[in-house]
PDB file of N, CA and C in Angstrom:
ATOM      1  N   MET A   1     -37.123-188.707 -87.600  1.00  0.00           N
ATOM      2  CA  MET A   1     -37.513-187.356 -87.277  1.00  0.00           C
ATOM      3  C   MET A   1     -37.808-186.574 -88.557  1.00  0.00           C
ATOM      4  N   LEU A   2     -37.003-186.787 -89.564  1.00  0.00           N
ATOM      5  CA  LEU A   2     -37.232-186.116 -90.841  1.00  0.00           C
ATOM      6  C   LEU A   2     -38.563-186.528 -91.441  1.00  0.00           C
ATOM      7  N   ALA A   3     -38.904-187.806 -91.343  1.00  0.00           N
ATOM      8  CA  ALA A   3     -40.187-188.304 -91.870  1.00  0.00           C
ATOM      9  C   ALA A   3     -41.346-187.672 -91.127  1.00  0.00           C
ATOM     10  N   ALA A   4     -41.213-187.476 -89.815  1.00  0.00           N
ATOM     11  CA  ALA A   4     -42.268-186.853 -89.012  1.00  0.00           C
ATOM     12  C   ALA A   4     -42.463-185.393 -89.424  1.00  0.00           C
ATOM     13  N   LYS A   5     -41.350-184.714 -89.673  1.00  0.00           N
ATOM     14  CA  LYS A   5     -41.431-183.311 -90.097  1.00  0.00           C
ATOM     15  C   LYS A   5     -42.066-183.209 -91.486  1.00  0.00           C
ATOM     16  N   GLU A   6     -41.706-184.140 -92.389  1.00  0.00           N
ATOM     17  CA  GLU A   6     -42.315-184.122 -93.717  1.00  0.00           C
ATOM     18  C   GLU A   6     -43.808-184.402 -93.631  1.00  0.00           C
ATOM     19  N   GLU A   7     -44.212-185.311 -92.753  1.00  0.00           N
ATOM     20  CA  GLU A   7     -45.627-185.616 -92.551  1.00  0.00           C
ATOM     21  C   GLU A   7     -46.357-184.387 -92.011  1.00  0.00           C
ATOM     22  N   GLN A   8     -45.733-183.713 -91.054  1.00  0.00           N
ATOM     23  CA  GLN A   8     -46.322-182.491 -90.489  1.00  0.00           C
ATOM     24  C   GLN A   8     -46.422-181.414 -91.562  1.00  0.00           C
ATOM     25  N   LEU A   9     -45.407-181.303 -92.412  1.00  0.00           N
ATOM     26  CA  LEU A   9     -45.429-180.325 -93.498  1.00  0.00           C
ATOM     27  C   LEU A   9     -46.571-180.619 -94.457  1.00  0.00           C
ATOM     28  N   ARG A  10     -46.772-181.911 -94.835  1.00  0.00           N
ATOM     29  CA  ARG A  10     -47.889-182.284 -95.722  1.00  0.00           C
ATOM     30  C   ARG A  10     -49.232-181.914 -95.086  1.00  0.00           C
ATOM     31  N   GLU A  11     -49.379-182.188 -93.794  1.00  0.00           N
ATOM     32  CA  GLU A  11     -50.629-181.844 -93.097  1.00  0.00           C
ATOM     33  C   GLU A  11     -50.882-180.328 -93.138  1.00  0.00           C
ATOM     34  N   PHE A  12     -49.807-179.562 -92.884  1.00  0.00           N
ATOM     35  CA  PHE A  12     -49.943-178.099 -92.949  1.00  0.00           C
ATOM     36  C   PHE A  12     -50.297-177.640 -94.358  1.00  0.00           C
ATOM     37  N   GLN A  13     -49.701-178.258 -95.359  1.00  0.00           N
ATOM     38  CA  GLN A  13     -50.002-177.894 -96.741  1.00  0.00           C
ATOM     39  C   GLN A  13     -51.438-178.223 -97.091  1.00  0.00           C
ATOM     40  N   GLU A  14     -51.930-179.387 -96.645  1.00  0.00           N
ATOM     41  CA  GLU A  14     -53.330-179.760 -96.893  1.00  0.00           C
ATOM     42  C   GLU A  14     -54.288-178.790 -96.174  1.00  0.00           C
ATOM     43  N   GLU A  15     -53.948-178.462 -94.929  1.00  0.00           N
ATOM     44  CA  GLU A  15     -54.783-177.516 -94.169  1.00  0.00           C
ATOM     45  C   GLU A  15     -54.787-176.149 -94.845  1.00  0.00           C
ATOM     46  N   MET A  16     -53.603-175.728 -95.322  1.00  0.00           N
ATOM     47  CA  MET A  16     -53.492-174.449 -96.011  1.00  0.00           C
ATOM     48  C   MET A  16     -54.292-174.455 -97.308  1.00  0.00           C
ATOM     49  N   ALA A  17     -54.253-175.566 -98.030  1.00  0.00           N
ATOM     50  CA  ALA A  17     -55.015-175.688 -99.276  1.00  0.00           C
ATOM     51  C   ALA A  17     -56.509-175.617 -98.990  1.00  0.00           C
ATOM     52  N   ALA A  18     -56.945-176.282 -97.908  1.00  0.00           N
ATOM     53  CA  ALA A  18     -58.368-176.250 -97.541  1.00  0.00           C
ATOM     54  C   ALA A  18     -58.780-174.832 -97.143  1.00  0.00           C
ATOM     55  N   LEU A  19     -57.934-174.162 -96.390  1.00  0.00           N
ATOM     56  CA  LEU A  19     -58.232-172.774 -95.984  1.00  0.00           C
ATOM     57  C   LEU A  19     -58.294-171.854 -97.202  1.00  0.00           C
ATOM     58  N   LYS A  20     -57.396-172.050 -98.164  1.00  0.00           N
ATOM     59  CA  LYS A  20     -57.422-171.238 -99.386  1.00  0.00           C
ATOM     60  C   LYS A  20     -58.714-171.462-100.151  1.00  0.00           C
ATOM     61  N   GLU A  21     -59.136-172.724-100.240  1.00  0.00           N
ATOM     62  CA  GLU A  21     -60.394-173.032-100.937  1.00  0.00           C
ATOM     63  C   GLU A  21     -61.569-172.341-100.247  1.00  0.00           C
ATOM     64  N   ASN A  22     -61.595-172.410 -98.912  1.00  0.00           N
ATOM     65  CA  ASN A  22     -62.672-171.740 -98.163  1.00  0.00           C
ATOM     66  C   ASN A  22     -62.646-170.231 -98.387  1.00  0.00           C
ATOM     67  N   LEU A  23     -61.453-169.680 -98.365  1.00  0.00           N
ATOM     68  CA  LEU A  23     -61.314-168.240 -98.565  1.00  0.00           C
ATOM     69  C   LEU A  23     -61.789-167.840 -99.959  1.00  0.00           C
ATOM     70  N   LEU A  24     -61.372-168.595-100.953  1.00  0.00           N
ATOM     71  CA  LEU A  24     -61.804-168.304-102.323  1.00  0.00           C
ATOM     72  C   LEU A  24     -63.310-168.457-102.469  1.00  0.00           C
ATOM     73  N   ALA A  25     -63.884-169.452-101.814  1.00  0.00           N
ATOM     74  CA  ALA A  25     -65.334-169.652-101.874  1.00  0.00           C
ATOM     75  C   ALA A  25     -66.055-168.477-101.220  1.00  0.00           C
ATOM     76  N   ASP A  26     -65.532-167.997-100.088  1.00  0.00           N
ATOM     77  CA  ASP A  26     -66.136-166.843 -99.410  1.00  0.00           C
ATOM     78  C   ASP A  26     -66.037-165.587-100.265  1.00  0.00           C
ATOM     79  N   GLU A  27     -64.886-165.401-100.918  1.00  0.00           N
ATOM     80  CA  GLU A  27     -64.700-164.208-101.742  1.00  0.00           C
ATOM     81  C   GLU A  27     -65.570-164.235-102.993  1.00  0.00           C
ATOM     82  N   LYS A  28     -65.800-165.434-103.521  1.00  0.00           N
ATOM     83  CA  LYS A  28     -66.594-165.549-104.749  1.00  0.00           C
ATOM     84  C   LYS A  28     -68.089-165.467-104.481  1.00  0.00           C
ATOM     85  N   GLU A  29     -68.498-165.722-103.248  1.00  0.00           N
ATOM     86  CA  GLU A  29     -69.925-165.711-102.911  1.00  0.00           C
ATOM     87  C   GLU A  29     -70.426-164.267-102.923  1.00  0.00           C
ATOM     88  N   PRO A  30     -71.331-163.947-103.855  1.00  0.00           N
ATOM     89  CA  PRO A  30     -71.839-162.572-103.870  1.00  0.00           C
ATOM     90  C   PRO A  30     -72.684-162.334-102.625  1.00  0.00           C
ATOM     91  N   CYS A  31     -72.408-161.208-101.987  1.00  0.00           N
ATOM     92  CA  CYS A  31     -73.079-160.966-100.720  1.00  0.00           C
ATOM     93  C   CYS A  31     -74.085-159.836-100.835  1.00  0.00           C
ATOM     94  N   CYS A  32     -73.629-158.664-101.149  1.00  0.00           N
ATOM     95  CA  CYS A  32     -74.521-157.504-101.143  1.00  0.00           C
ATOM     96  C   CYS A  32     -74.817-156.977-102.537  1.00  0.00           C
ATOM     97  N   LEU A  33     -73.809-156.976-103.359  1.00  0.00           N
ATOM     98  CA  LEU A  33     -73.967-156.381-104.678  1.00  0.00           C
ATOM     99  C   LEU A  33     -73.979-157.481-105.730  1.00  0.00           C
ATOM    100  N   PRO A  34     -75.072-157.673-106.441  1.00  0.00           N
ATOM    101  CA  PRO A  34     -75.126-158.760-107.411  1.00  0.00           C
ATOM    102  C   PRO A  34     -74.176-158.562-108.586  1.00  0.00           C
ATOM    103  N   GLN A  35     -73.788-157.348-108.906  1.00  0.00           N
ATOM    104  CA  GLN A  35     -72.959-157.128-110.085  1.00  0.00           C
ATOM    105  C   GLN A  35     -71.484-157.433-109.838  1.00  0.00           C
ATOM    106  N   ARG A  36     -71.079-157.584-108.552  1.00  0.00           N
ATOM    107  CA  ARG A  36     -69.693-157.960-108.295  1.00  0.00           C
ATOM    108  C   ARG A  36     -69.582-158.750-107.010  1.00  0.00           C
ATOM    109  N   CYS A  37     -68.551-159.545-106.907  1.00  0.00           N
ATOM    110  CA  CYS A  37     -68.340-160.385-105.744  1.00  0.00           C
ATOM    111  C   CYS A  37     -67.489-159.618-104.740  1.00  0.00           C
ATOM    112  N   VAL A  38     -67.897-159.661-103.476  1.00  0.00           N
ATOM    113  CA  VAL A  38     -67.159-158.942-102.444  1.00  0.00           C
ATOM    114  C   VAL A  38     -66.933-159.865-101.257  1.00  0.00           C
ATOM    115  N   PRO A  39     -65.840-159.665-100.536  1.00  0.00           N
ATOM    116  CA  PRO A  39     -65.603-160.459 -99.329  1.00  0.00           C
ATOM    117  C   PRO A  39     -66.655-160.151 -98.263  1.00  0.00           C
ATOM    118  N   LYS A  40     -66.795-161.072 -97.309  1.00  0.00           N
ATOM    119  CA  LYS A  40     -67.832-160.914 -96.293  1.00  0.00           C
ATOM    120  C   LYS A  40     -67.604-159.682 -95.418  1.00  0.00           C
ATOM    121  N   ASP A  41     -66.350-159.352 -95.120  1.00  0.00           N
ATOM    122  CA  ASP A  41     -66.083-158.150 -94.324  1.00  0.00           C
ATOM    123  C   ASP A  41     -66.569-156.911 -95.060  1.00  0.00           C
ATOM    124  N   THR A  42     -66.316-156.872 -96.351  1.00  0.00           N
ATOM    125  CA  THR A  42     -66.771-155.746 -97.159  1.00  0.00           C
ATOM    126  C   THR A  42     -68.284-155.689 -97.171  1.00  0.00           C
ATOM    127  N   CYS A  43     -68.921-156.859 -97.242  1.00  0.00           N
ATOM    128  CA  CYS A  43     -70.375-156.935 -97.226  1.00  0.00           C
ATOM    129  C   CYS A  43     -70.912-156.398 -95.906  1.00  0.00           C
ATOM    130  N   ARG A  44     -70.283-156.777 -94.799  1.00  0.00           N
ATOM    131  CA  ARG A  44     -70.703-156.290 -93.479  1.00  0.00           C
ATOM    132  C   ARG A  44     -70.552-154.777 -93.406  1.00  0.00           C
ATOM    133  N   LEU A  45     -69.431-154.277 -93.893  1.00  0.00           N
ATOM    134  CA  LEU A  45     -69.216-152.834 -93.902  1.00  0.00           C
ATOM    135  C   LEU A  45     -70.249-152.131 -94.771  1.00  0.00           C
ATOM    136  N   HIS A  46     -70.595-152.760 -95.874  1.00  0.00           N
ATOM    137  CA  HIS A  46     -71.605-152.195 -96.774  1.00  0.00           C
ATOM    138  C   HIS A  46     -72.954-152.106 -96.061  1.00  0.00           C
ATOM    139  N   ARG A  47     -73.328-153.165 -95.342  1.00  0.00           N
ATOM    140  CA  ARG A  47     -74.594-153.154 -94.595  1.00  0.00           C
ATOM    141  C   ARG A  47     -74.582-152.082 -93.509  1.00  0.00           C
ATOM    142  N   GLU A  48     -73.454-151.971 -92.798  1.00  0.00           N
ATOM    143  CA  GLU A  48     -73.346-150.948 -91.760  1.00  0.00           C
ATOM    144  C   GLU A  48     -73.438-149.554 -92.371  1.00  0.00           C
ATOM    145  N   ASN A  49     -72.791-149.376 -93.503  1.00  0.00           N
ATOM    146  CA  ASN A  49     -72.850-148.091 -94.197  1.00  0.00           C
ATOM    147  C   ASN A  49     -74.281-147.774 -94.633  1.00  0.00           C
ATOM    148  N   ASP A  50     -74.978-148.791 -95.159  1.00  0.00           N
ATOM    149  CA  ASP A  50     -76.382-148.597 -95.546  1.00  0.00           C
ATOM    150  C   ASP A  50     -77.225-148.196 -94.351  1.00  0.00           C
ATOM    151  N   GLN A  51     -76.986-148.832 -93.199  1.00  0.00           N
ATOM    152  CA  GLN A  51     -77.750-148.506 -91.988  1.00  0.00           C
ATOM    153  C   GLN A  51     -77.461-147.084 -91.536  1.00  0.00           C
ATOM    154  N   ILE A  52     -76.206-146.691 -91.588  1.00  0.00           N
ATOM    155  CA  ILE A  52     -75.838-145.326 -91.218  1.00  0.00           C
ATOM    156  C   ILE A  52     -76.503-144.324 -92.155  1.00  0.00           C
ATOM    157  N   MET A  53     -76.473-144.613 -93.444  1.00  0.00           N
ATOM    158  CA  MET A  53     -77.099-143.711 -94.420  1.00  0.00           C
ATOM    159  C   MET A  53     -78.608-143.630 -94.198  1.00  0.00           C
ATOM    160  N   THR A  54     -79.243-144.761 -93.889  1.00  0.00           N
ATOM    161  CA  THR A  54     -80.676-144.772 -93.613  1.00  0.00           C
ATOM    162  C   THR A  54     -80.980-143.908 -92.392  1.00  0.00           C
ATOM    163  N   ASN A  55     -80.186-144.088 -91.345  1.00  0.00           N
ATOM    164  CA  ASN A  55     -80.378-143.276 -90.133  1.00  0.00           C
ATOM    165  C   ASN A  55     -80.168-141.798 -90.418  1.00  0.00           C
ATOM    166  N   LEU A  56     -79.154-141.486 -91.206  1.00  0.00           N
ATOM    167  CA  LEU A  56     -78.864-140.094 -91.549  1.00  0.00           C
ATOM    168  C   LEU A  56     -79.990-139.489 -92.380  1.00  0.00           C
ATOM    169  N   GLU A  57     -80.511-140.250 -93.327  1.00  0.00           N
ATOM    170  CA  GLU A  57     -81.628-139.761 -94.140  1.00  0.00           C
ATOM    171  C   GLU A  57     -82.866-139.526 -93.295  1.00  0.00           C
ATOM    172  N   GLN A  58     -83.124-140.426 -92.358  1.00  0.00           N
ATOM    173  CA  GLN A  58     -84.278-140.273 -91.466  1.00  0.00           C
ATOM    174  C   GLN A  58     -84.103-139.025 -90.595  1.00  0.00           C
ATOM    175  N   TRP A  59     -82.904-138.830 -90.052  1.00  0.00           N
ATOM    176  CA  TRP A  59     -82.623-137.647 -89.247  1.00  0.00           C
ATOM    177  C   TRP A  59     -82.808-136.378 -90.073  1.00  0.00           C
ATOM    178  N   ALA A  60     -82.321-136.384 -91.315  1.00  0.00           N
ATOM    179  CA  ALA A  60     -82.456-135.216 -92.188  1.00  0.00           C
ATOM    180  C   ALA A  60     -83.926-134.910 -92.457  1.00  0.00           C
ATOM    181  N   LYS A  61     -84.746-135.939 -92.672  1.00  0.00           N
ATOM    182  CA  LYS A  61     -86.182-135.728 -92.886  1.00  0.00           C
ATOM    183  C   LYS A  61     -86.823-135.125 -91.642  1.00  0.00           C
ATOM    184  N   GLN A  62     -86.445-135.632 -90.468  1.00  0.00           N
ATOM    185  CA  GLN A  62     -86.977-135.086 -89.222  1.00  0.00           C
ATOM    186  C   GLN A  62     -86.579-133.624 -89.051  1.00  0.00           C
ATOM    187  N   GLN A  63     -85.333-133.311 -89.382  1.00  0.00           N
ATOM    188  CA  GLN A  63     -84.871-131.929 -89.280  1.00  0.00           C
ATOM    189  C   GLN A  63     -85.617-131.029 -90.250  1.00  0.00           C
ATOM    190  N   LYS A  64     -85.892-131.542 -91.446  1.00  0.00           N
ATOM    191  CA  LYS A  64     -86.627-130.771 -92.444  1.00  0.00           C
ATOM    192  C   LYS A  64     -88.026-130.436 -91.934  1.00  0.00           C
ATOM    193  N   VAL A  65     -88.708-131.438 -91.366  1.00  0.00           N
ATOM    194  CA  VAL A  65     -90.056-131.218 -90.832  1.00  0.00           C
ATOM    195  C   VAL A  65     -90.008-130.203 -89.689  1.00  0.00           C
ATOM    196  N   ALA A  66     -89.035-130.370 -88.787  1.00  0.00           N
ATOM    197  CA  ALA A  66     -88.906-129.448 -87.660  1.00  0.00           C
ATOM    198  C   ALA A  66     -88.605-128.036 -88.151  1.00  0.00           C
ATOM    199  N   ASN A  67     -87.750-127.908 -89.161  1.00  0.00           N
ATOM    200  CA  ASN A  67     -87.425-126.588 -89.709  1.00  0.00           C
ATOM    201  C   ASN A  67     -88.628-125.957 -90.390  1.00  0.00           C
ATOM    202  N   GLU A  68     -89.436-126.762 -91.079  1.00  0.00           N
ATOM    203  CA  GLU A  68     -90.641-126.234 -91.715  1.00  0.00           C
ATOM    204  C   GLU A  68     -91.617-125.723 -90.663  1.00  0.00           C
ATOM    205  N   LYS A  69     -91.787-126.474 -89.575  1.00  0.00           N
ATOM    206  CA  LYS A  69     -92.671-126.032 -88.490  1.00  0.00           C
ATOM    207  C   LYS A  69     -92.162-124.733 -87.878  1.00  0.00           C
ATOM    208  N   LEU A  70     -90.873-124.673 -87.634  1.00  0.00           N
ATOM    209  CA  LEU A  70     -90.279-123.468 -87.071  1.00  0.00           C
ATOM    210  C   LEU A  70     -90.441-122.290 -88.029  1.00  0.00           C
ATOM    211  N   GLY A  71     -90.234-122.534 -89.318  1.00  0.00           N
ATOM    212  CA  GLY A  71     -90.416-121.480 -90.316  1.00  0.00           C
ATOM    213  C   GLY A  71     -91.844-120.964 -90.340  1.00  0.00           C
ATOM    214  N   ASN A  72     -92.809-121.881 -90.231  1.00  0.00           N
ATOM    215  CA  ASN A  72     -94.219-121.464 -90.190  1.00  0.00           C
ATOM    216  C   ASN A  72     -94.503-120.608 -88.961  1.00  0.00           C
ATOM    217  N   LYS A  73     -93.964-121.008 -87.811  1.00  0.00           N
ATOM    218  CA  LYS A  73     -94.155-120.217 -86.585  1.00  0.00           C
ATOM    219  C   LYS A  73     -93.539-118.835 -86.742  1.00  0.00           C
ATOM    220  N   LEU A  74     -92.343-118.782 -87.327  1.00  0.00           N
ATOM    221  CA  LEU A  74     -91.683-117.493 -87.528  1.00  0.00           C
ATOM    222  C   LEU A  74     -92.488-116.596 -88.465  1.00  0.00           C
ATOM    223  N   ARG A  75     -93.036-117.175 -89.543  1.00  0.00           N
ATOM    224  CA  ARG A  75     -93.863-116.381 -90.457  1.00  0.00           C
ATOM    225  C   ARG A  75     -95.096-115.831 -89.749  1.00  0.00           C
ATOM    226  N   GLU A  76     -95.712-116.637 -88.904  1.00  0.00           N
ATOM    227  CA  GLU A  76     -96.875-116.173 -88.137  1.00  0.00           C
ATOM    228  C   GLU A  76     -96.479-115.043 -87.198  1.00  0.00           C
ATOM    229  N   GLN A  77     -95.331-115.174 -86.559  1.00  0.00           N
ATOM    230  CA  GLN A  77     -94.867-114.120 -85.651  1.00  0.00           C
ATOM    231  C   GLN A  77     -94.559-112.836 -86.408  1.00  0.00           C
ATOM    232  N   VAL A  78     -93.981-112.963 -87.596  1.00  0.00           N
ATOM    233  CA  VAL A  78     -93.692-111.777 -88.414  1.00  0.00           C
ATOM    234  C   VAL A  78     -94.999-111.080 -88.789  1.00  0.00           C
ATOM    235  N   LYS A  79     -96.028-111.860 -89.129  1.00  0.00           N
ATOM    236  CA  LYS A  79     -97.337-111.273 -89.446  1.00  0.00           C
ATOM    237  C   LYS A  79     -97.899-110.548 -88.235  1.00  0.00           C
ATOM    238  N   CYS A  80     -97.804-111.174 -87.055  1.00  0.00           N
ATOM    239  CA  CYS A  80     -98.304-110.533 -85.834  1.00  0.00           C
ATOM    240  C   CYS A  80     -97.540-109.247 -85.536  1.00  0.00           C
ATOM    241  N   ILE A  81     -96.233-109.279 -85.700  1.00  0.00           N
ATOM    242  CA  ILE A  81     -95.418-108.084 -85.454  1.00  0.00           C
ATOM    243  C   ILE A  81     -95.807-106.972 -86.423  1.00  0.00           C
ATOM    244  N   ALA A  82     -96.002-107.318 -87.695  1.00  0.00           N
ATOM    245  CA  ALA A  82     -96.398-106.313 -88.685  1.00  0.00           C
ATOM    246  C   ALA A  82     -97.760-105.724 -88.329  1.00  0.00           C
ATOM    247  N   LYS A  83     -98.688-106.575 -87.913  1.00  0.00           N
ATOM    248  CA  LYS A  83    -100.022-106.101 -87.537  1.00  0.00           C
ATOM    249  C   LYS A  83     -99.944-105.183 -86.319  1.00  0.00           C
ATOM    250  N   LEU A  84     -99.191-105.607 -85.296  1.00  0.00           N
ATOM    251  CA  LEU A  84     -99.050-104.790 -84.091  1.00  0.00           C
ATOM    252  C   LEU A  84     -98.339-103.471 -84.378  1.00  0.00           C
ATOM    253  N   THR A  85     -97.348-103.508 -85.258  1.00  0.00           N
ATOM    254  CA  THR A  85     -96.649-102.269 -85.634  1.00  0.00           C
ATOM    255  C   THR A  85     -97.612-101.310 -86.332  1.00  0.00           C
ATOM    256  N   GLY A  86     -98.439-101.838 -87.233  1.00  0.00           N
ATOM    257  CA  GLY A  86     -99.436-101.004 -87.905  1.00  0.00           C
ATOM    258  C   GLY A  86    -100.434-100.418 -86.918  1.00  0.00           C
ATOM    259  N   GLU A  87    -100.904-101.236 -85.973  1.00  0.00           N
ATOM    260  CA  GLU A  87    -101.832-100.739 -84.962  1.00  0.00           C
ATOM    261  C   GLU A  87    -101.176 -99.680 -84.091  1.00  0.00           C
ATOM    262  N   LYS A  88     -99.927 -99.895 -83.737  1.00  0.00           N
ATOM    263  CA  LYS A  88     -99.193 -98.920 -82.915  1.00  0.00           C
ATOM    264  C   LYS A  88     -99.098 -97.577 -83.631  1.00  0.00           C
ATOM    265  N   GLU A  89     -98.759 -97.637 -84.938  1.00  0.00           N
ATOM    266  CA  GLU A  89     -98.658 -96.392 -85.713  1.00  0.00           C
ATOM    267  C   GLU A  89    -100.009 -95.695 -85.821  1.00  0.00           C
ATOM    268  N   SER A  90    -101.073 -96.483 -85.995  1.00  0.00           N
ATOM    269  CA  SER A  90    -102.415 -95.900 -86.066  1.00  0.00           C
ATOM    270  C   SER A  90    -102.771 -95.232 -84.749  1.00  0.00           C
ATOM    271  N   PHE A  91    -102.506 -95.912 -83.637  1.00  0.00           N
ATOM    272  CA  PHE A  91    -102.802 -95.338 -82.326  1.00  0.00           C
ATOM    273  C   PHE A  91    -101.963 -94.097 -82.068  1.00  0.00           C
ATOM    274  N   LEU A  92    -100.723 -94.111 -82.497  1.00  0.00           N
ATOM    275  CA  LEU A  92     -99.857 -92.946 -82.310  1.00  0.00           C
ATOM    276  C   LEU A  92    -100.379 -91.758 -83.102  1.00  0.00           C
ATOM    277  N   LEU A  93    -100.803 -91.998 -84.363  1.00  0.00           N
ATOM    278  CA  LEU A  93    -101.384 -90.913 -85.159  1.00  0.00           C
ATOM    279  C   LEU A  93    -102.674 -90.399 -84.524  1.00  0.00           C
ATOM    280  N   LEU A  94    -103.518 -91.303 -84.069  1.00  0.00           N
ATOM    281  CA  LEU A  94    -104.761 -90.918 -83.417  1.00  0.00           C
ATOM    282  C   LEU A  94    -104.471 -90.134 -82.145  1.00  0.00           C
ATOM    283  N   TYR A  95    -103.520 -90.587 -81.363  1.00  0.00           N
ATOM    284  CA  TYR A  95    -103.140 -89.900 -80.129  1.00  0.00           C
ATOM    285  C   TYR A  95    -102.642 -88.492 -80.407  1.00  0.00           C
ATOM    286  N   THR A  96    -101.777 -88.327 -81.417  1.00  0.00           N
ATOM    287  CA  THR A  96    -101.254 -86.984 -81.724  1.00  0.00           C
ATOM    288  C   THR A  96    -102.373 -86.072 -82.227  1.00  0.00           C
ATOM    289  N   ARG A  97    -103.324 -86.619 -83.015  1.00  0.00           N
ATOM    290  CA  ARG A  97    -104.459 -85.814 -83.466  1.00  0.00           C
ATOM    291  C   ARG A  97    -105.333 -85.374 -82.292  1.00  0.00           C
ATOM    292  N   ILE A  98    -105.621 -86.315 -81.420  1.00  0.00           N
ATOM    293  CA  ILE A  98    -106.455 -85.991 -80.257  1.00  0.00           C
ATOM    294  C   ILE A  98    -105.762 -84.972 -79.383  1.00  0.00           C
ATOM    295  N   LYS A  99    -104.477 -85.157 -79.164  1.00  0.00           N
ATOM    296  CA  LYS A  99    -103.718 -84.219 -78.338  1.00  0.00           C
ATOM    297  C   LYS A  99    -103.701 -82.841 -78.981  1.00  0.00           C
ATOM    298  N   LYS A 100    -103.505 -82.794 -80.301  1.00  0.00           N
ATOM    299  CA  LYS A 100    -103.476 -81.519 -81.030  1.00  0.00           C
ATOM    300  C   LYS A 100    -104.849 -80.849 -80.960  1.00  0.00           C
ATOM    301  N   ASP A 101    -105.915 -81.653 -81.198  1.00  0.00           N
ATOM    302  CA  ASP A 101    -107.275 -81.108 -81.142  1.00  0.00           C
ATOM    303  C   ASP A 101    -107.625 -80.630 -79.745  1.00  0.00           C
ATOM    304  N   SER A 102    -107.211 -81.362 -78.724  1.00  0.00           N
ATOM    305  CA  SER A 102    -107.543 -80.954 -77.356  1.00  0.00           C
ATOM    306  C   SER A 102    -106.801 -79.689 -76.973  1.00  0.00           C
ATOM    307  N   HIS A 103    -105.605 -79.474 -77.464  1.00  0.00           N
ATOM    308  CA  HIS A 103    -104.868 -78.241 -77.174  1.00  0.00           C
ATOM    309  C   HIS A 103    -105.478 -77.056 -77.914  1.00  0.00           C
ATOM    310  N   SER A 104    -105.957 -77.303 -79.108  1.00  0.00           N
ATOM    311  CA  SER A 104    -106.531 -76.191 -79.865  1.00  0.00           C
ATOM    312  C   SER A 104    -107.913 -75.805 -79.326  1.00  0.00           C
ATOM    313  N   GLN A 105    -108.659 -76.746 -78.753  1.00  0.00           N
ATOM    314  CA  GLN A 105    -109.990 -76.456 -78.228  1.00  0.00           C
ATOM    315  C   GLN A 105    -109.926 -75.903 -76.814  1.00  0.00           C
ATOM    316  N   VAL A 106    -109.053 -76.400 -75.988  1.00  0.00           N
ATOM    317  CA  VAL A 106    -108.962 -75.959 -74.597  1.00  0.00           C
ATOM    318  C   VAL A 106    -107.745 -75.059 -74.468  1.00  0.00           C
ATOM    319  N   THR A 107    -108.004 -73.802 -74.255  1.00  0.00           N
ATOM    320  CA  THR A 107    -106.883 -72.882 -74.123  1.00  0.00           C
ATOM    321  C   THR A 107    -106.649 -72.494 -72.683  1.00  0.00           C
ATOM    322  N   HIS A 108    -107.717 -72.164 -71.951  1.00  0.00           N
ATOM    323  CA  HIS A 108    -107.544 -71.742 -70.563  1.00  0.00           C
ATOM    324  C   HIS A 108    -108.557 -72.442 -69.692  1.00  0.00           C
ATOM    325  N   MET A 109    -108.408 -73.703 -69.523  1.00  0.00           N
ATOM    326  CA  MET A 109    -109.327 -74.455 -68.692  1.00  0.00           C
ATOM    327  C   MET A 109    -108.599 -74.887 -67.429  1.00  0.00           C
ATOM    328  N   PRO A 110    -109.125 -74.602 -66.282  1.00  0.00           N
ATOM    329  CA  PRO A 110    -108.427 -74.964 -65.047  1.00  0.00           C
ATOM    330  C   PRO A 110    -108.410 -76.487 -64.872  1.00  0.00           C
ATOM    331  N   SER A 111    -107.314 -76.988 -64.361  1.00  0.00           N
ATOM    332  CA  SER A 111    -107.201 -78.424 -64.117  1.00  0.00           C
ATOM    333  C   SER A 111    -107.683 -78.727 -62.707  1.00  0.00           C
ATOM    334  N   VAL A 112    -107.606 -79.933 -62.330  1.00  0.00           N
ATOM    335  CA  VAL A 112    -108.096 -80.355 -61.019  1.00  0.00           C
ATOM    336  C   VAL A 112    -107.296 -79.697 -59.899  1.00  0.00           C
ATOM    337  N   LEU A 113    -106.025 -79.488 -60.107  1.00  0.00           N
ATOM    338  CA  LEU A 113    -105.173 -78.907 -59.080  1.00  0.00           C
ATOM    339  C   LEU A 113    -105.154 -77.394 -59.144  1.00  0.00           C
ATOM    340  N   GLY A 114    -105.847 -76.825 -60.039  1.00  0.00           N
ATOM    341  CA  GLY A 114    -105.883 -75.382 -60.165  1.00  0.00           C
ATOM    342  C   GLY A 114    -104.880 -74.819 -61.137  1.00  0.00           C
ATOM    343  N   TRP A 115    -104.182 -75.603 -61.781  1.00  0.00           N
ATOM    344  CA  TRP A 115    -103.215 -75.149 -62.765  1.00  0.00           C
ATOM    345  C   TRP A 115    -103.899 -75.007 -64.100  1.00  0.00           C
ATOM    346  N   PHE A 116    -103.367 -74.215 -64.930  1.00  0.00           N
ATOM    347  CA  PHE A 116    -103.927 -73.998 -66.247  1.00  0.00           C
ATOM    348  C   PHE A 116    -103.178 -74.821 -67.286  1.00  0.00           C
ATOM    349  N   ILE A 117    -103.931 -75.305 -68.254  1.00  0.00           N
ATOM    350  CA  ILE A 117    -103.332 -76.043 -69.365  1.00  0.00           C
ATOM    351  C   ILE A 117    -103.188 -75.067 -70.522  1.00  0.00           C
ATOM    352  N   TRP A 118    -102.063 -74.919 -71.065  1.00  0.00           N
ATOM    353  CA  TRP A 118    -101.822 -73.987 -72.171  1.00  0.00           C
ATOM    354  C   TRP A 118    -101.729 -74.682 -73.462  1.00  0.00           C
TER     355      TRP A 118
END
């Protein structure tokens, strides 16, 4: 029984040695970064991180374009508002002048209903 256990122990030691060699070979194999050796899990995480960063950069570019379009629309609307405000002020000045001139010219003219405009 002791000999069987020693044989089993040797087999486990050989298997463990083979697994260590495989592990060391995997760790030494450069995966993503040529300047240093990284384990495969780290390499996978690095690739996933790169993909996330690529997606984030693409999203940021899309947001930038959308914001620029929105900014252009807002600038156009501000120009329209300024133009309409100027026209409104011009019409208001014209209206007050016309109203003032019409009051100064017409002093006692009967209206349609027979009332007088003062």
